[in-house]
Amino acid sequence: LYPYSFTSSRDLIVTGTHTIALISPSGAILRRFH
């Protein structure tokens, strides 16, 4: 897993082999993209 970028809303984009996770500043997973 790798930190890819941040949105202007401070959400973190984390990338994996087949999925991308959008994580809030509090650490909650907001959504996964395949």
ModelCIF file with pLDDT and N, C-alpha, C, O atoms, coordinates in Angstrom:
data_MODEL
#
_entry.id   MODEL 
#
_entity.id                         1 
_entity.type                       polymer 
_entity.pdbx_number_of_molecules   1 
#
_entity_poly.entity_id                      1 
_entity_poly.type                           'polypeptide(L)' 
_entity_poly.nstd_linkage                   no 
_entity_poly.nstd_monomer                   no 
_entity_poly.pdbx_seq_one_letter_code       LYPYSFTSSRDLIVTGTHTIALISPSGAILRRFH 
_entity_poly.pdbx_seq_one_letter_code_can   LYPYSFTSSRDLIVTGTHTIALISPSGAILRRFH 
_entity_poly.pdbx_strand_id                 A 
#
loop_
_entity_poly_seq.entity_id 
_entity_poly_seq.num 
_entity_poly_seq.mon_id 
_entity_poly_seq.hetero 
1 1  LEU n 
1 2  TYR n 
1 3  PRO n 
1 4  TYR n 
1 5  SER n 
1 6  PHE n 
1 7  THR n 
1 8  SER n 
1 9  SER n 
1 10 ARG n 
1 11 ASP n 
1 12 LEU n 
1 13 ILE n 
1 14 VAL n 
1 15 THR n 
1 16 GLY n 
1 17 THR n 
1 18 HIS n 
1 19 THR n 
1 20 ILE n 
1 21 ALA n 
1 22 LEU n 
1 23 ILE n 
1 24 SER n 
1 25 PRO n 
1 26 SER n 
1 27 GLY n 
1 28 ALA n 
1 29 ILE n 
1 30 LEU n 
1 31 ARG n 
1 32 ARG n 
1 33 PHE n 
1 34 HIS n 
#
_struct_asym.id          A 
_struct_asym.entity_id   1 
#
loop_
_ma_qa_metric.id 
_ma_qa_metric.mode 
_ma_qa_metric.name 
_ma_qa_metric.software_group_id 
_ma_qa_metric.type 
1 global pLDDT . pLDDT 
2 local  pLDDT . pLDDT 
#
_ma_qa_metric_global.metric_id      1 
_ma_qa_metric_global.metric_value   96.76 
_ma_qa_metric_global.model_id       1 
_ma_qa_metric_global.ordinal_id     1 
#
loop_
_ma_qa_metric_local.label_asym_id 
_ma_qa_metric_local.label_comp_id 
_ma_qa_metric_local.label_seq_id 
_ma_qa_metric_local.metric_id 
_ma_qa_metric_local.metric_value 
_ma_qa_metric_local.model_id 
_ma_qa_metric_local.ordinal_id 
A LEU 1  2 95.00 1 1  
A TYR 2  2 96.00 1 2  
A PRO 3  2 97.00 1 3  
A TYR 4  2 97.00 1 4  
A SER 5  2 97.00 1 5  
A PHE 6  2 97.00 1 6  
A THR 7  2 97.00 1 7  
A SER 8  2 94.00 1 8  
A SER 9  2 94.00 1 9  
A ARG 10 2 95.00 1 10 
A ASP 11 2 98.00 1 11 
A LEU 12 2 98.00 1 12 
A ILE 13 2 98.00 1 13 
A VAL 14 2 98.00 1 14 
A THR 15 2 97.00 1 15 
A GLY 16 2 96.00 1 16 
A THR 17 2 93.00 1 17 
A HIS 18 2 95.00 1 18 
A THR 19 2 97.00 1 19 
A ILE 20 2 98.00 1 20 
A ALA 21 2 98.00 1 21 
A LEU 22 2 98.00 1 22 
A ILE 23 2 98.00 1 23 
A SER 24 2 98.00 1 24 
A PRO 25 2 96.00 1 25 
A SER 26 2 95.00 1 26 
A GLY 27 2 96.00 1 27 
A ALA 28 2 97.00 1 28 
A ILE 29 2 97.00 1 29 
A LEU 30 2 98.00 1 30 
A ARG 31 2 98.00 1 31 
A ARG 32 2 98.00 1 32 
A PHE 33 2 98.00 1 33 
A HIS 34 2 98.00 1 34 
#
loop_
_atom_site.group_PDB 
_atom_site.id 
_atom_site.type_symbol 
_atom_site.label_atom_id 
_atom_site.label_alt_id 
_atom_site.label_comp_id 
_atom_site.label_asym_id 
_atom_site.label_entity_id 
_atom_site.label_seq_id 
_atom_site.pdbx_PDB_ins_code 
_atom_site.Cartn_x 
_atom_site.Cartn_y 
_atom_site.Cartn_z 
_atom_site.occupancy 
_atom_site.B_iso_or_equiv 
_atom_site.pdbx_formal_charge 
_atom_site.auth_seq_id 
_atom_site.auth_comp_id 
_atom_site.auth_asym_id 
_atom_site.auth_atom_id 
_atom_site.pdbx_PDB_model_num 
ATOM 1   N N  . LEU A 1 1  ? 0.849   -1.194 0.000   1.00 95.00 ? 1  LEU A N  1 
ATOM 2   C CA . LEU A 1 1  ? 0.000   0.000  0.000   1.00 95.00 ? 1  LEU A CA 1 
ATOM 3   C C  . LEU A 1 1  ? 0.886   1.246  0.000   1.00 95.00 ? 1  LEU A C  1 
ATOM 4   O O  . LEU A 1 1  ? 1.956   1.270  0.609   1.00 95.00 ? 1  LEU A O  1 
ATOM 5   N N  . TYR A 1 2  ? 0.406   2.291  -0.707  1.00 96.00 ? 2  TYR A N  1 
ATOM 6   C CA . TYR A 1 2  ? 1.219   3.502  -0.844  1.00 96.00 ? 2  TYR A CA 1 
ATOM 7   C C  . TYR A 1 2  ? 0.356   4.752  -0.742  1.00 96.00 ? 2  TYR A C  1 
ATOM 8   O O  . TYR A 1 2  ? -0.739  4.791  -1.305  1.00 96.00 ? 2  TYR A O  1 
ATOM 9   N N  . PRO A 1 3  ? 0.835   5.786  -0.027  1.00 97.00 ? 3  PRO A N  1 
ATOM 10  C CA . PRO A 1 3  ? 0.125   7.073  -0.034  1.00 97.00 ? 3  PRO A CA 1 
ATOM 11  C C  . PRO A 1 3  ? 0.364   7.752  -1.369  1.00 97.00 ? 3  PRO A C  1 
ATOM 12  O O  . PRO A 1 3  ? 1.508   8.037  -1.723  1.00 97.00 ? 3  PRO A O  1 
ATOM 13  N N  . TYR A 1 4  ? -0.699  8.014  -2.113  1.00 97.00 ? 4  TYR A N  1 
ATOM 14  C CA . TYR A 1 4  ? -0.563  8.524  -3.474  1.00 97.00 ? 4  TYR A CA 1 
ATOM 15  C C  . TYR A 1 4  ? -0.678  10.038 -3.539  1.00 97.00 ? 4  TYR A C  1 
ATOM 16  O O  . TYR A 1 4  ? 0.166   10.707 -4.135  1.00 97.00 ? 4  TYR A O  1 
ATOM 17  N N  . SER A 1 5  ? -1.734  10.581 -2.920  1.00 97.00 ? 5  SER A N  1 
ATOM 18  C CA . SER A 1 5  ? -1.939  12.031 -2.952  1.00 97.00 ? 5  SER A CA 1 
ATOM 19  C C  . SER A 1 5  ? -3.012  12.405 -1.948  1.00 97.00 ? 5  SER A C  1 
ATOM 20  O O  . SER A 1 5  ? -3.665  11.544 -1.358  1.00 97.00 ? 5  SER A O  1 
ATOM 21  N N  . PHE A 1 6  ? -3.181  13.711 -1.767  1.00 97.00 ? 6  PHE A N  1 
ATOM 22  C CA . PHE A 1 6  ? -4.247  14.244 -0.921  1.00 97.00 ? 6  PHE A CA 1 
ATOM 23  C C  . PHE A 1 6  ? -5.185  15.088 -1.770  1.00 97.00 ? 6  PHE A C  1 
ATOM 24  O O  . PHE A 1 6  ? -4.754  15.732 -2.726  1.00 97.00 ? 6  PHE A O  1 
ATOM 25  N N  . THR A 1 7  ? -6.465  15.085 -1.421  1.00 97.00 ? 7  THR A N  1 
ATOM 26  C CA . THR A 1 7  ? -7.400  16.024 -2.020  1.00 97.00 ? 7  THR A CA 1 
ATOM 27  C C  . THR A 1 7  ? -7.323  17.334 -1.242  1.00 97.00 ? 7  THR A C  1 
ATOM 28  O O  . THR A 1 7  ? -6.713  17.389 -0.173  1.00 97.00 ? 7  THR A O  1 
ATOM 29  N N  . SER A 1 8  ? -7.935  18.381 -1.773  1.00 94.00 ? 8  SER A N  1 
ATOM 30  C CA . SER A 1 8  ? -7.936  19.660 -1.071  1.00 94.00 ? 8  SER A CA 1 
ATOM 31  C C  . SER A 1 8  ? -8.758  19.607 0.207   1.00 94.00 ? 8  SER A C  1 
ATOM 32  O O  . SER A 1 8  ? -8.652  20.494 1.054   1.00 94.00 ? 8  SER A O  1 
ATOM 33  N N  . SER A 1 9  ? -9.580  18.567 0.351   1.00 94.00 ? 9  SER A N  1 
ATOM 34  C CA . SER A 1 9  ? -10.376 18.382 1.574   1.00 94.00 ? 9  SER A CA 1 
ATOM 35  C C  . SER A 1 9  ? -9.619  17.577 2.623   1.00 94.00 ? 9  SER A C  1 
ATOM 36  O O  . SER A 1 9  ? -10.187 17.200 3.648   1.00 94.00 ? 9  SER A O  1 
ATOM 37  N N  . ARG A 1 10 ? -8.329  17.309 2.368   1.00 95.00 ? 10 ARG A N  1 
ATOM 38  C CA . ARG A 1 10 ? -7.438  16.585 3.279   1.00 95.00 ? 10 ARG A CA 1 
ATOM 39  C C  . ARG A 1 10 ? -7.698  15.089 3.291   1.00 95.00 ? 10 ARG A C  1 
ATOM 40  O O  . ARG A 1 10 ? -7.164  14.383 4.147   1.00 95.00 ? 10 ARG A O  1 
ATOM 41  N N  . ASP A 1 11 ? -8.506  14.588 2.363   1.00 98.00 ? 11 ASP A N  1 
ATOM 42  C CA . ASP A 1 11 ? -8.685  13.142 2.269   1.00 98.00 ? 11 ASP A CA 1 
ATOM 43  C C  . ASP A 1 11 ? -7.455  12.536 1.611   1.00 98.00 ? 11 ASP A C  1 
ATOM 44  O O  . ASP A 1 11 ? -6.912  13.101 0.661   1.00 98.00 ? 11 ASP A O  1 
ATOM 45  N N  . LEU A 1 12 ? -7.023  11.408 2.107   1.00 98.00 ? 12 LEU A N  1 
ATOM 46  C CA . LEU A 1 12 ? -5.813  10.734 1.615   1.00 98.00 ? 12 LEU A CA 1 
ATOM 47  C C  . LEU A 1 12 ? -6.189  9.627  0.634   1.00 98.00 ? 12 LEU A C  1 
ATOM 48  O O  . LEU A 1 12 ? -7.087  8.828  0.898   1.00 98.00 ? 12 LEU A O  1 
ATOM 49  N N  . ILE A 1 13 ? -5.491  9.592  -0.501  1.00 98.00 ? 13 ILE A N  1 
ATOM 50  C CA . ILE A 1 13 ? -5.675  8.541  -1.494  1.00 98.00 ? 13 ILE A CA 1 
ATOM 51  C C  . ILE A 1 13 ? -4.570  7.512  -1.301  1.00 98.00 ? 13 ILE A C  1 
ATOM 52  O O  . ILE A 1 13 ? -3.387  7.830  -1.418  1.00 98.00 ? 13 ILE A O  1 
ATOM 53  N N  . VAL A 1 14 ? -4.963  6.277  -1.004  1.00 98.00 ? 14 VAL A N  1 
ATOM 54  C CA . VAL A 1 14 ? -4.018  5.186  -0.788  1.00 98.00 ? 14 VAL A CA 1 
ATOM 55  C C  . VAL A 1 14 ? -4.231  4.146  -1.875  1.00 98.00 ? 14 VAL A C  1 
ATOM 56  O O  . VAL A 1 14 ? -5.354  3.698  -2.104  1.00 98.00 ? 14 VAL A O  1 
ATOM 57  N N  . THR A 1 15 ? -3.151  3.764  -2.544  1.00 97.00 ? 15 THR A N  1 
ATOM 58  C CA . THR A 1 15 ? -3.262  2.825  -3.655  1.00 97.00 ? 15 THR A CA 1 
ATOM 59  C C  . THR A 1 15 ? -2.715  1.458  -3.279  1.00 97.00 ? 15 THR A C  1 
ATOM 60  O O  . THR A 1 15 ? -1.765  1.329  -2.506  1.00 97.00 ? 15 THR A O  1 
ATOM 61  N N  . GLY A 1 16 ? -3.356  0.428  -3.861  1.00 96.00 ? 16 GLY A N  1 
ATOM 62  C CA . GLY A 1 16 ? -2.921  -0.950 -3.685  1.00 96.00 ? 16 GLY A CA 1 
ATOM 63  C C  . GLY A 1 16 ? -2.846  -1.629 -5.037  1.00 96.00 ? 16 GLY A C  1 
ATOM 64  O O  . GLY A 1 16 ? -2.902  -0.964 -6.072  1.00 96.00 ? 16 GLY A O  1 
ATOM 65  N N  . THR A 1 17 ? -2.720  -2.933 -5.040  1.00 93.00 ? 17 THR A N  1 
ATOM 66  C CA . THR A 1 17 ? -2.534  -3.672 -6.284  1.00 93.00 ? 17 THR A CA 1 
ATOM 67  C C  . THR A 1 17 ? -3.738  -3.587 -7.209  1.00 93.00 ? 17 THR A C  1 
ATOM 68  O O  . THR A 1 17 ? -3.583  -3.447 -8.423  1.00 93.00 ? 17 THR A O  1 
ATOM 69  N N  . HIS A 1 18 ? -4.950  -3.673 -6.637  1.00 95.00 ? 18 HIS A N  1 
ATOM 70  C CA . HIS A 1 18 ? -6.172  -3.640 -7.445  1.00 95.00 ? 18 HIS A CA 1 
ATOM 71  C C  . HIS A 1 18 ? -7.180  -2.609 -6.962  1.00 95.00 ? 18 HIS A C  1 
ATOM 72  O O  . HIS A 1 18 ? -8.170  -2.352 -7.646  1.00 95.00 ? 18 HIS A O  1 
ATOM 73  N N  . THR A 1 19 ? -6.951  -2.018 -5.806  1.00 97.00 ? 19 THR A N  1 
ATOM 74  C CA . THR A 1 19 ? -7.925  -1.090 -5.242  1.00 97.00 ? 19 THR A CA 1 
ATOM 75  C C  . THR A 1 19 ? -7.264  0.211  -4.807  1.00 97.00 ? 19 THR A C  1 
ATOM 76  O O  . THR A 1 19 ? -6.064  0.267  -4.536  1.00 97.00 ? 19 THR A O  1 
ATOM 77  N N  . ILE A 1 20 ? -8.093  1.259  -4.749  1.00 98.00 ? 20 ILE A N  1 
ATOM 78  C CA . ILE A 1 20 ? -7.687  2.572  -4.262  1.00 98.00 ? 20 ILE A CA 1 
ATOM 79  C C  . ILE A 1 20 ? -8.636  2.930  -3.130  1.00 98.00 ? 20 ILE A C  1 
ATOM 80  O O  . ILE A 1 20 ? -9.851  2.798  -3.273  1.00 98.00 ? 20 ILE A O  1 
ATOM 81  N N  . ALA A 1 21 ? -8.093  3.381  -2.008  1.00 98.00 ? 21 ALA A N  1 
ATOM 82  C CA . ALA A 1 21 ? -8.916  3.751  -0.864  1.00 98.00 ? 21 ALA A CA 1 
ATOM 83  C C  . ALA A 1 21 ? -8.862  5.251  -0.642  1.00 98.00 ? 21 ALA A C  1 
ATOM 84  O O  . ALA A 1 21 ? -7.803  5.869  -0.746  1.00 98.00 ? 21 ALA A O  1 
ATOM 85  N N  . LEU A 1 22 ? -10.013 5.830  -0.336  1.00 98.00 ? 22 LEU A N  1 
ATOM 86  C CA . LEU A 1 22 ? -10.105 7.246  0.028   1.00 98.00 ? 22 LEU A CA 1 
ATOM 87  C C  . LEU A 1 22 ? -10.320 7.298  1.529   1.00 98.00 ? 22 LEU A C  1 
ATOM 88  O O  . LEU A 1 22 ? -11.314 6.780  2.038   1.00 98.00 ? 22 LEU A O  1 
ATOM 89  N N  . ILE A 1 23 ? -9.382  7.928  2.243   1.00 98.00 ? 23 ILE A N  1 
ATOM 90  C CA . ILE A 1 23 ? -9.373  7.910  3.706   1.00 98.00 ? 23 ILE A CA 1 
ATOM 91  C C  . ILE A 1 23 ? -9.499  9.328  4.244   1.00 98.00 ? 23 ILE A C  1 
ATOM 92  O O  . ILE A 1 23 ? -8.790  10.232 3.802   1.00 98.00 ? 23 ILE A O  1 
ATOM 93  N N  . SER A 1 24 ? -10.395 9.519  5.188   1.00 98.00 ? 24 SER A N  1 
ATOM 94  C CA . SER A 1 24 ? -10.644 10.837 5.761   1.00 98.00 ? 24 SER A CA 1 
ATOM 95  C C  . SER A 1 24 ? -9.518  11.217 6.707   1.00 98.00 ? 24 SER A C  1 
ATOM 96  O O  . SER A 1 24 ? -8.722  10.360 7.090   1.00 98.00 ? 24 SER A O  1 
ATOM 97  N N  . PRO A 1 25 ? -9.435  12.511 7.098   1.00 96.00 ? 25 PRO A N  1 
ATOM 98  C CA . PRO A 1 25 ? -8.395  12.934 8.043   1.00 96.00 ? 25 PRO A CA 1 
ATOM 99  C C  . PRO A 1 25 ? -8.463  12.195 9.376   1.00 96.00 ? 25 PRO A C  1 
ATOM 100 O O  . PRO A 1 25 ? -7.454  12.079 10.071  1.00 96.00 ? 25 PRO A O  1 
ATOM 101 N N  . SER A 1 26 ? -9.642  11.694 9.737   1.00 95.00 ? 26 SER A N  1 
ATOM 102 C CA . SER A 1 26 ? -9.781  10.951 10.991  1.00 95.00 ? 26 SER A CA 1 
ATOM 103 C C  . SER A 1 26 ? -9.335  9.500  10.866  1.00 95.00 ? 26 SER A C  1 
ATOM 104 O O  . SER A 1 26 ? -9.248  8.785  11.865  1.00 95.00 ? 26 SER A O  1 
ATOM 105 N N  . GLY A 1 27 ? -9.053  9.064  9.637   1.00 96.00 ? 27 GLY A N  1 
ATOM 106 C CA . GLY A 1 27 ? -8.617  7.691  9.425   1.00 96.00 ? 27 GLY A CA 1 
ATOM 107 C C  . GLY A 1 27 ? -9.705  6.750  8.953   1.00 96.00 ? 27 GLY A C  1 
ATOM 108 O O  . GLY A 1 27 ? -9.454  5.557  8.780   1.00 96.00 ? 27 GLY A O  1 
ATOM 109 N N  . ALA A 1 28 ? -10.912 7.260  8.740   1.00 97.00 ? 28 ALA A N  1 
ATOM 110 C CA . ALA A 1 28 ? -12.012 6.414  8.283   1.00 97.00 ? 28 ALA A CA 1 
ATOM 111 C C  . ALA A 1 28 ? -11.926 6.197  6.775   1.00 97.00 ? 28 ALA A C  1 
ATOM 112 O O  . ALA A 1 28 ? -11.604 7.120  6.028   1.00 97.00 ? 28 ALA A O  1 
ATOM 113 N N  . ILE A 1 29 ? -12.214 4.969  6.329   1.00 97.00 ? 29 ILE A N  1 
ATOM 114 C CA . ILE A 1 29 ? -12.240 4.685  4.893   1.00 97.00 ? 29 ILE A CA 1 
ATOM 115 C C  . ILE A 1 29 ? -13.579 5.155  4.328   1.00 97.00 ? 29 ILE A C  1 
ATOM 116 O O  . ILE A 1 29 ? -14.633 4.625  4.680   1.00 97.00 ? 29 ILE A O  1 
ATOM 117 N N  . LEU A 1 30 ? -13.523 6.146  3.456   1.00 98.00 ? 30 LEU A N  1 
ATOM 118 C CA . LEU A 1 30 ? -14.742 6.725  2.896   1.00 98.00 ? 30 LEU A CA 1 
ATOM 119 C C  . LEU A 1 30 ? -15.269 5.909  1.723   1.00 98.00 ? 30 LEU A C  1 
ATOM 120 O O  . LEU A 1 30 ? -16.481 5.766  1.562   1.00 98.00 ? 30 LEU A O  1 
ATOM 121 N N  . ARG A 1 31 ? -14.362 5.370  0.898   1.00 98.00 ? 31 ARG A N  1 
ATOM 122 C CA . ARG A 1 31 ? -14.781 4.558  -0.237  1.00 98.00 ? 31 ARG A CA 1 
ATOM 123 C C  . ARG A 1 31 ? -13.570 3.842  -0.817  1.00 98.00 ? 31 ARG A C  1 
ATOM 124 O O  . ARG A 1 31 ? -12.435 4.306  -0.713  1.00 98.00 ? 31 ARG A O  1 
ATOM 125 N N  . ARG A 1 32 ? -13.851 2.692  -1.433  1.00 98.00 ? 32 ARG A N  1 
ATOM 126 C CA . ARG A 1 32 ? -12.820 1.955  -2.170  1.00 98.00 ? 32 ARG A CA 1 
ATOM 127 C C  . ARG A 1 32 ? -13.191 1.943  -3.648  1.00 98.00 ? 32 ARG A C  1 
ATOM 128 O O  . ARG A 1 32 ? -14.357 1.782  -4.009  1.00 98.00 ? 32 ARG A O  1 
ATOM 129 N N  . PHE A 1 33 ? -12.184 2.116  -4.494  1.00 98.00 ? 33 PHE A N  1 
ATOM 130 C CA . PHE A 1 33 ? -12.377 2.079  -5.943  1.00 98.00 ? 33 PHE A CA 1 
ATOM 131 C C  . PHE A 1 33 ? -11.573 0.905  -6.502  1.00 98.00 ? 33 PHE A C  1 
ATOM 132 O O  . PHE A 1 33 ? -10.397 0.749  -6.174  1.00 98.00 ? 33 PHE A O  1 
ATOM 133 N N  . HIS A 1 34 ? -12.193 0.087  -7.334  1.00 98.00 ? 34 HIS A N  1 
ATOM 134 C CA . HIS A 1 34 ? -11.515 -1.034 -7.960  1.00 98.00 ? 34 HIS A CA 1 
ATOM 135 C C  . HIS A 1 34 ? -11.104 -0.631 -9.377  1.00 98.00 ? 34 HIS A C  1 
ATOM 136 O O  . HIS A 1 34 ? -10.511 -1.431 -10.099 1.00 98.00 ? 34 HIS A O  1 
#
